[in-house]
Each structure stands twice: as C-alpha cells, then as structure tokens.
N, C-alpha and C. Protein backbone atom coordinates (compact mmCIF):
# COMPACT_ATOMS: atom_id res chain seq x y z
N MET A 1 -33.44 171.58 -32.94
CA MET A 1 -33.47 173.02 -32.80
C MET A 1 -34.01 173.63 -34.10
N SER A 2 -34.93 174.55 -33.96
CA SER A 2 -35.45 175.23 -35.15
C SER A 2 -34.50 176.37 -35.53
N ALA A 3 -34.57 176.78 -36.76
CA ALA A 3 -33.69 177.85 -37.24
C ALA A 3 -34.53 179.02 -37.72
N TRP A 4 -33.91 180.19 -37.70
CA TRP A 4 -34.55 181.38 -38.24
C TRP A 4 -34.45 181.34 -39.75
N ASP A 5 -35.47 181.82 -40.38
CA ASP A 5 -35.45 181.90 -41.84
C ASP A 5 -36.09 183.23 -42.23
N ILE A 6 -35.32 184.30 -42.07
CA ILE A 6 -35.82 185.64 -42.34
C ILE A 6 -35.13 186.18 -43.58
N ASN A 7 -35.91 186.71 -44.48
CA ASN A 7 -35.40 187.35 -45.68
C ASN A 7 -35.54 188.86 -45.47
N PRO A 8 -34.45 189.53 -45.05
CA PRO A 8 -34.56 190.96 -44.74
C PRO A 8 -35.13 191.82 -45.86
N SER A 9 -34.76 191.55 -47.10
CA SER A 9 -35.32 192.37 -48.19
C SER A 9 -36.81 192.09 -48.36
N GLY A 10 -37.23 190.85 -48.11
CA GLY A 10 -38.66 190.53 -48.16
C GLY A 10 -39.42 191.24 -47.06
N VAL A 11 -38.84 191.26 -45.85
CA VAL A 11 -39.47 191.97 -44.73
C VAL A 11 -39.59 193.45 -45.06
N SER A 12 -38.53 194.01 -45.63
CA SER A 12 -38.55 195.43 -45.99
C SER A 12 -39.67 195.72 -46.99
N GLY A 13 -39.84 194.84 -47.97
CA GLY A 13 -40.90 195.03 -48.96
C GLY A 13 -42.29 194.97 -48.33
N VAL A 14 -42.48 194.02 -47.43
CA VAL A 14 -43.78 193.89 -46.75
C VAL A 14 -44.03 195.11 -45.87
N LEU A 15 -43.01 195.55 -45.13
CA LEU A 15 -43.17 196.72 -44.26
C LEU A 15 -43.49 197.98 -45.07
N THR A 16 -42.89 198.10 -46.25
CA THR A 16 -43.18 199.25 -47.10
C THR A 16 -44.64 199.23 -47.54
N LYS A 17 -45.12 198.06 -47.95
CA LYS A 17 -46.53 197.94 -48.37
C LYS A 17 -47.46 198.21 -47.19
N CYS A 18 -47.13 197.67 -46.03
CA CYS A 18 -47.97 197.89 -44.84
C CYS A 18 -47.96 199.35 -44.44
N GLY A 19 -46.80 200.00 -44.53
CA GLY A 19 -46.71 201.41 -44.21
C GLY A 19 -47.57 202.26 -45.13
N THR A 20 -47.58 201.92 -46.41
CA THR A 20 -48.41 202.63 -47.38
C THR A 20 -49.89 202.45 -47.04
N ALA A 21 -50.26 201.23 -46.71
CA ALA A 21 -51.66 200.97 -46.34
C ALA A 21 -52.02 201.71 -45.06
N ALA A 22 -51.11 201.73 -44.09
CA ALA A 22 -51.37 202.42 -42.83
C ALA A 22 -51.52 203.92 -43.05
N GLU A 23 -50.74 204.48 -43.97
CA GLU A 23 -50.88 205.90 -44.30
C GLU A 23 -52.27 206.18 -44.86
N GLY A 24 -52.75 205.27 -45.71
CA GLY A 24 -54.09 205.43 -46.27
C GLY A 24 -55.16 205.39 -45.19
N LEU A 25 -55.01 204.48 -44.24
CA LEU A 25 -55.96 204.40 -43.13
C LEU A 25 -55.90 205.66 -42.28
N SER A 26 -54.69 206.16 -42.06
CA SER A 26 -54.53 207.37 -41.27
C SER A 26 -55.21 208.56 -41.95
N LYS A 27 -55.01 208.68 -43.25
CA LYS A 27 -55.64 209.78 -43.98
C LYS A 27 -57.16 209.67 -43.94
N ALA A 28 -57.67 208.44 -44.05
CA ALA A 28 -59.12 208.25 -43.98
C ALA A 28 -59.64 208.63 -42.60
N GLY A 29 -58.92 208.25 -41.56
CA GLY A 29 -59.32 208.60 -40.20
C GLY A 29 -59.32 210.11 -39.98
N GLN A 30 -58.30 210.78 -40.50
CA GLN A 30 -58.24 212.23 -40.38
C GLN A 30 -59.39 212.89 -41.13
N ALA A 31 -59.74 212.35 -42.29
CA ALA A 31 -60.85 212.91 -43.06
C ALA A 31 -62.17 212.75 -42.31
N VAL A 32 -62.34 211.60 -41.66
CA VAL A 32 -63.56 211.38 -40.88
C VAL A 32 -63.62 212.37 -39.71
N GLN A 33 -62.48 212.56 -39.05
CA GLN A 33 -62.46 213.49 -37.92
C GLN A 33 -62.83 214.91 -38.35
N LYS A 34 -62.42 215.29 -39.56
CA LYS A 34 -62.73 216.63 -40.05
C LYS A 34 -64.17 216.75 -40.52
N SER A 35 -64.68 215.70 -41.17
CA SER A 35 -66.01 215.80 -41.78
C SER A 35 -67.14 215.43 -40.83
N LEU A 36 -66.87 214.65 -39.80
CA LEU A 36 -67.93 214.21 -38.89
C LEU A 36 -68.62 215.39 -38.19
N PRO A 37 -67.89 216.35 -37.65
CA PRO A 37 -68.60 217.48 -37.02
C PRO A 37 -69.47 218.27 -38.00
N ALA A 38 -68.98 218.46 -39.21
CA ALA A 38 -69.78 219.18 -40.21
C ALA A 38 -71.03 218.38 -40.57
N ALA A 39 -70.87 217.07 -40.70
CA ALA A 39 -72.02 216.22 -41.02
C ALA A 39 -73.03 216.25 -39.88
N ALA A 40 -72.52 216.21 -38.65
CA ALA A 40 -73.42 216.23 -37.49
C ALA A 40 -74.19 217.54 -37.43
N THR A 41 -73.53 218.63 -37.75
CA THR A 41 -74.19 219.94 -37.70
C THR A 41 -75.25 220.07 -38.79
N ALA A 42 -74.96 219.54 -39.98
CA ALA A 42 -75.86 219.72 -41.12
C ALA A 42 -76.97 218.68 -41.20
N ALA A 43 -76.83 217.56 -40.55
CA ALA A 43 -77.77 216.46 -40.74
C ALA A 43 -79.09 216.71 -40.03
N GLY A 44 -80.13 216.80 -40.82
CA GLY A 44 -81.49 216.82 -40.29
C GLY A 44 -81.82 218.02 -39.43
N THR A 45 -81.18 219.14 -39.67
CA THR A 45 -81.48 220.32 -38.86
C THR A 45 -81.93 221.45 -39.77
N ILE A 46 -82.54 222.43 -39.16
CA ILE A 46 -82.97 223.61 -39.90
C ILE A 46 -82.15 224.79 -39.40
N SER A 47 -81.53 225.48 -40.32
CA SER A 47 -80.77 226.67 -39.93
C SER A 47 -80.80 227.64 -41.09
N GLY A 48 -80.43 228.80 -40.82
CA GLY A 48 -80.39 229.80 -41.88
C GLY A 48 -80.27 231.18 -41.30
N MET A 49 -80.48 232.16 -42.15
CA MET A 49 -80.29 233.54 -41.75
C MET A 49 -81.21 233.92 -40.58
N TYR A 50 -82.42 233.37 -40.52
CA TYR A 50 -83.38 233.78 -39.49
C TYR A 50 -83.46 232.80 -38.33
N CYS A 51 -82.86 231.61 -38.52
CA CYS A 51 -82.98 230.58 -37.49
C CYS A 51 -81.78 230.54 -36.55
N GLY A 52 -80.69 231.13 -36.92
CA GLY A 52 -79.50 231.10 -36.08
C GLY A 52 -78.72 229.80 -36.29
N GLU A 53 -77.91 229.45 -35.29
CA GLU A 53 -77.09 228.23 -35.34
C GLU A 53 -77.98 227.00 -35.48
N ALA A 54 -77.47 226.02 -36.19
CA ALA A 54 -78.23 224.78 -36.35
C ALA A 54 -78.27 224.05 -35.02
N PRO A 55 -79.46 223.67 -34.58
CA PRO A 55 -79.56 222.93 -33.32
C PRO A 55 -79.09 221.49 -33.51
N SER A 56 -78.84 220.86 -32.41
CA SER A 56 -78.42 219.47 -32.45
C SER A 56 -79.66 218.59 -32.64
N GLY A 57 -79.58 217.68 -33.58
CA GLY A 57 -80.71 216.79 -33.85
C GLY A 57 -80.34 215.35 -33.55
N PRO A 58 -81.25 214.41 -33.82
CA PRO A 58 -80.99 213.01 -33.50
C PRO A 58 -79.84 212.42 -34.32
N VAL A 59 -79.67 212.87 -35.55
CA VAL A 59 -78.57 212.34 -36.37
C VAL A 59 -77.24 212.81 -35.82
N SER A 60 -77.16 214.08 -35.46
CA SER A 60 -75.90 214.58 -34.91
C SER A 60 -75.59 213.91 -33.58
N GLY A 61 -76.62 213.62 -32.81
CA GLY A 61 -76.41 212.89 -31.55
C GLY A 61 -75.88 211.49 -31.80
N ALA A 62 -76.42 210.84 -32.80
CA ALA A 62 -75.97 209.49 -33.14
C ALA A 62 -74.53 209.51 -33.65
N LEU A 63 -74.20 210.52 -34.46
CA LEU A 63 -72.84 210.64 -34.95
C LEU A 63 -71.86 210.92 -33.81
N ALA A 64 -72.27 211.73 -32.86
CA ALA A 64 -71.42 212.01 -31.69
C ALA A 64 -71.21 210.74 -30.87
N GLU A 65 -72.27 209.95 -30.68
CA GLU A 65 -72.13 208.68 -29.96
C GLU A 65 -71.19 207.73 -30.70
N PHE A 66 -71.32 207.70 -32.01
CA PHE A 66 -70.44 206.85 -32.83
C PHE A 66 -68.99 207.28 -32.63
N ALA A 67 -68.74 208.58 -32.72
CA ALA A 67 -67.37 209.09 -32.57
C ALA A 67 -66.82 208.76 -31.19
N ASN A 68 -67.64 208.92 -30.16
CA ASN A 68 -67.19 208.62 -28.80
C ASN A 68 -66.94 207.13 -28.60
N ALA A 69 -67.78 206.31 -29.17
CA ALA A 69 -67.66 204.86 -28.98
C ALA A 69 -66.47 204.28 -29.73
N TRP A 70 -66.23 204.76 -30.93
CA TRP A 70 -65.21 204.14 -31.77
C TRP A 70 -63.92 204.93 -31.87
N GLY A 71 -63.90 206.16 -31.41
CA GLY A 71 -62.71 206.99 -31.51
C GLY A 71 -61.50 206.38 -30.83
N LYS A 72 -61.68 205.89 -29.62
CA LYS A 72 -60.55 205.29 -28.88
C LYS A 72 -60.08 204.01 -29.56
N ASP A 73 -61.02 203.22 -30.05
CA ASP A 73 -60.64 201.97 -30.71
C ASP A 73 -59.85 202.24 -31.99
N VAL A 74 -60.27 203.23 -32.74
CA VAL A 74 -59.57 203.57 -33.99
C VAL A 74 -58.17 204.08 -33.66
N ALA A 75 -58.05 204.92 -32.64
CA ALA A 75 -56.74 205.42 -32.23
C ALA A 75 -55.85 204.27 -31.75
N TYR A 76 -56.44 203.32 -31.03
CA TYR A 76 -55.69 202.15 -30.55
C TYR A 76 -55.16 201.32 -31.72
N VAL A 77 -56.00 201.08 -32.71
CA VAL A 77 -55.59 200.29 -33.88
C VAL A 77 -54.46 201.01 -34.62
N ALA A 78 -54.58 202.32 -34.76
CA ALA A 78 -53.54 203.08 -35.45
C ALA A 78 -52.21 202.99 -34.70
N GLN A 79 -52.25 203.15 -33.38
CA GLN A 79 -51.02 203.07 -32.60
C GLN A 79 -50.45 201.66 -32.60
N ARG A 80 -51.32 200.67 -32.50
CA ARG A 80 -50.88 199.28 -32.51
C ARG A 80 -50.23 198.93 -33.86
N THR A 81 -50.79 199.44 -34.94
CA THR A 81 -50.22 199.22 -36.27
C THR A 81 -48.83 199.82 -36.36
N ALA A 82 -48.69 201.06 -35.92
CA ALA A 82 -47.38 201.73 -35.95
C ALA A 82 -46.36 200.97 -35.10
N ASN A 83 -46.77 200.54 -33.92
CA ASN A 83 -45.86 199.79 -33.04
C ASN A 83 -45.46 198.45 -33.66
N SER A 84 -46.38 197.79 -34.32
CA SER A 84 -46.09 196.51 -34.95
C SER A 84 -45.10 196.67 -36.09
N LEU A 85 -45.29 197.68 -36.91
CA LEU A 85 -44.38 197.92 -38.03
C LEU A 85 -42.98 198.28 -37.52
N THR A 86 -42.93 199.13 -36.50
CA THR A 86 -41.64 199.50 -35.92
C THR A 86 -40.96 198.30 -35.29
N GLY A 87 -41.72 197.47 -34.59
CA GLY A 87 -41.17 196.28 -33.96
C GLY A 87 -40.61 195.29 -34.97
N ALA A 88 -41.32 195.07 -36.06
CA ALA A 88 -40.84 194.16 -37.09
C ALA A 88 -39.57 194.69 -37.73
N LYS A 89 -39.51 195.99 -37.96
CA LYS A 89 -38.31 196.61 -38.54
C LYS A 89 -37.12 196.45 -37.59
N THR A 90 -37.33 196.76 -36.32
CA THR A 90 -36.26 196.66 -35.33
C THR A 90 -35.78 195.22 -35.17
N ALA A 91 -36.70 194.28 -35.13
CA ALA A 91 -36.33 192.86 -34.99
C ALA A 91 -35.51 192.40 -36.19
N THR A 92 -35.88 192.83 -37.37
CA THR A 92 -35.13 192.44 -38.57
C THR A 92 -33.74 193.07 -38.57
N GLU A 93 -33.64 194.32 -38.14
CA GLU A 93 -32.33 194.96 -38.04
C GLU A 93 -31.42 194.21 -37.05
N GLU A 94 -31.98 193.80 -35.93
CA GLU A 94 -31.20 193.05 -34.93
C GLU A 94 -30.79 191.68 -35.48
N TYR A 95 -31.65 191.07 -36.25
CA TYR A 95 -31.33 189.78 -36.89
C TYR A 95 -30.13 189.96 -37.82
N ILE A 96 -30.14 191.03 -38.60
CA ILE A 96 -29.03 191.31 -39.52
C ILE A 96 -27.75 191.55 -38.73
N LYS A 97 -27.85 192.35 -37.65
CA LYS A 97 -26.68 192.60 -36.80
C LYS A 97 -26.13 191.30 -36.24
N GLY A 98 -27.02 190.40 -35.82
CA GLY A 98 -26.59 189.11 -35.29
C GLY A 98 -25.87 188.29 -36.34
N ASP A 99 -26.39 188.27 -37.57
CA ASP A 99 -25.73 187.56 -38.67
C ASP A 99 -24.34 188.14 -38.93
N LEU A 100 -24.24 189.47 -38.95
CA LEU A 100 -22.95 190.11 -39.21
C LEU A 100 -21.96 189.81 -38.08
N LYS A 101 -22.44 189.79 -36.84
CA LYS A 101 -21.55 189.49 -35.71
C LYS A 101 -21.07 188.04 -35.79
N MET A 102 -21.99 187.13 -36.10
CA MET A 102 -21.58 185.72 -36.21
C MET A 102 -20.56 185.55 -37.34
N ALA A 103 -20.76 186.24 -38.45
CA ALA A 103 -19.81 186.15 -39.56
C ALA A 103 -18.46 186.73 -39.15
N ALA A 104 -18.47 187.87 -38.45
CA ALA A 104 -17.22 188.47 -38.00
C ALA A 104 -16.51 187.56 -37.00
N ASP A 105 -17.27 186.97 -36.08
CA ASP A 105 -16.67 186.04 -35.11
C ASP A 105 -16.04 184.85 -35.82
N ALA A 106 -16.73 184.29 -36.79
CA ALA A 106 -16.19 183.14 -37.53
C ALA A 106 -14.94 183.55 -38.30
N HIS A 107 -14.95 184.72 -38.89
CA HIS A 107 -13.79 185.22 -39.64
C HIS A 107 -12.60 185.41 -38.70
N ASN A 108 -12.84 186.04 -37.55
CA ASN A 108 -11.76 186.26 -36.58
C ASN A 108 -11.21 184.94 -36.05
N GLU A 109 -12.06 183.98 -35.86
CA GLU A 109 -11.61 182.66 -35.39
C GLU A 109 -10.73 182.00 -36.45
N ALA A 110 -11.09 182.17 -37.70
CA ALA A 110 -10.30 181.57 -38.79
C ALA A 110 -8.94 182.24 -38.93
N LEU A 111 -8.84 183.50 -38.54
CA LEU A 111 -7.57 184.22 -38.68
C LEU A 111 -6.60 184.00 -37.51
N LYS A 112 -7.06 183.33 -36.46
CA LYS A 112 -6.19 183.11 -35.31
C LYS A 112 -4.99 182.25 -35.70
N GLU A 113 -3.91 182.51 -35.03
CA GLU A 113 -2.68 181.72 -35.22
C GLU A 113 -2.98 180.29 -34.80
N PRO A 114 -2.68 179.34 -35.67
CA PRO A 114 -2.97 177.94 -35.30
C PRO A 114 -2.00 177.44 -34.22
N LYS A 115 -2.51 176.58 -33.37
CA LYS A 115 -1.68 175.92 -32.36
C LYS A 115 -1.45 174.50 -32.85
N ILE A 116 -0.21 174.19 -33.02
CA ILE A 116 0.15 172.85 -33.51
C ILE A 116 0.88 172.13 -32.38
N ASP A 117 0.36 171.00 -32.01
CA ASP A 117 0.98 170.17 -30.97
C ASP A 117 1.51 168.92 -31.66
N MET A 118 2.80 168.98 -31.98
CA MET A 118 3.44 167.84 -32.64
C MET A 118 3.69 166.74 -31.62
N PRO A 119 3.48 165.52 -32.03
CA PRO A 119 3.71 164.41 -31.09
C PRO A 119 5.20 164.40 -30.66
N GLY A 120 5.41 164.26 -29.36
CA GLY A 120 6.75 164.16 -28.81
C GLY A 120 7.40 165.50 -28.55
N GLN A 121 6.72 166.60 -28.84
CA GLN A 121 7.32 167.91 -28.57
C GLN A 121 6.40 168.69 -27.64
N GLY A 122 7.02 169.47 -26.81
CA GLY A 122 6.25 170.35 -25.93
C GLY A 122 5.75 169.70 -24.68
N LYS A 123 5.56 168.44 -24.66
CA LYS A 123 5.08 167.77 -23.46
C LYS A 123 6.17 166.88 -22.91
N LYS A 124 6.36 166.90 -21.65
CA LYS A 124 7.39 166.06 -21.03
C LYS A 124 6.78 165.04 -20.13
C-alpha cells in the first residue's frame, strides 16, 4: 500500500507563489483587454479633426480576430488555474482534517477503560 506524503506548509508556500503568479497573469490579461481596442483603433488608420472617426483597417481587423480566437482560451486557462489552486487547497485541508481525526481516534482508543480477562475468572 502506498502512503500519502503531503507537507501542508510546503503546499501552502507553493499555492501562495502560484497565486501571486496567477494575479500577474490576470493583470496582464486585463491590460490587454483594455489596450487592444485602442491599439486596433489607432493602428494604420487616418483620423483627425477633418476625417472623423478612425475607420477600421487591416491591423484592427487582425487584432479583432486575435481577440476572438484567443479570448475564450485565455479565459479558460484563467478559470482552470483558479480551480486548480482552490482544489489543491481544499484537498490539503481535508488531508489535515483526516490526520487530526485519526489522531483523535487513536487518542480516544487509548483512553478507553481496559478489559482484563484474568485466567479462571469470568468464564464458566
């Protein structure tokens, strides 16, 4: 039978580092979402006081295609990362609860009144 070998404080440290990295990825994704439309509007177009709104050009079209193609995948990765971190945290918490229950059960078993069956007594 194999045994579990989990170091809860080690898991906590790894989850903290992963959470920090995930926050960085999230911030980068949010920055792209904010800057992509502005980049699409400004890229390769002519606009100004006499030209009106900037028309859509080939670069903005390509950026829109990029956003449509990869937007769902990026959102999926972000959600999958969050779910993985939460799952690892929950699993480690349950592992700790299991250890504490086993220790409590062993302690309670040790505190039980002993049954002593002396030879020649109690049995007829």
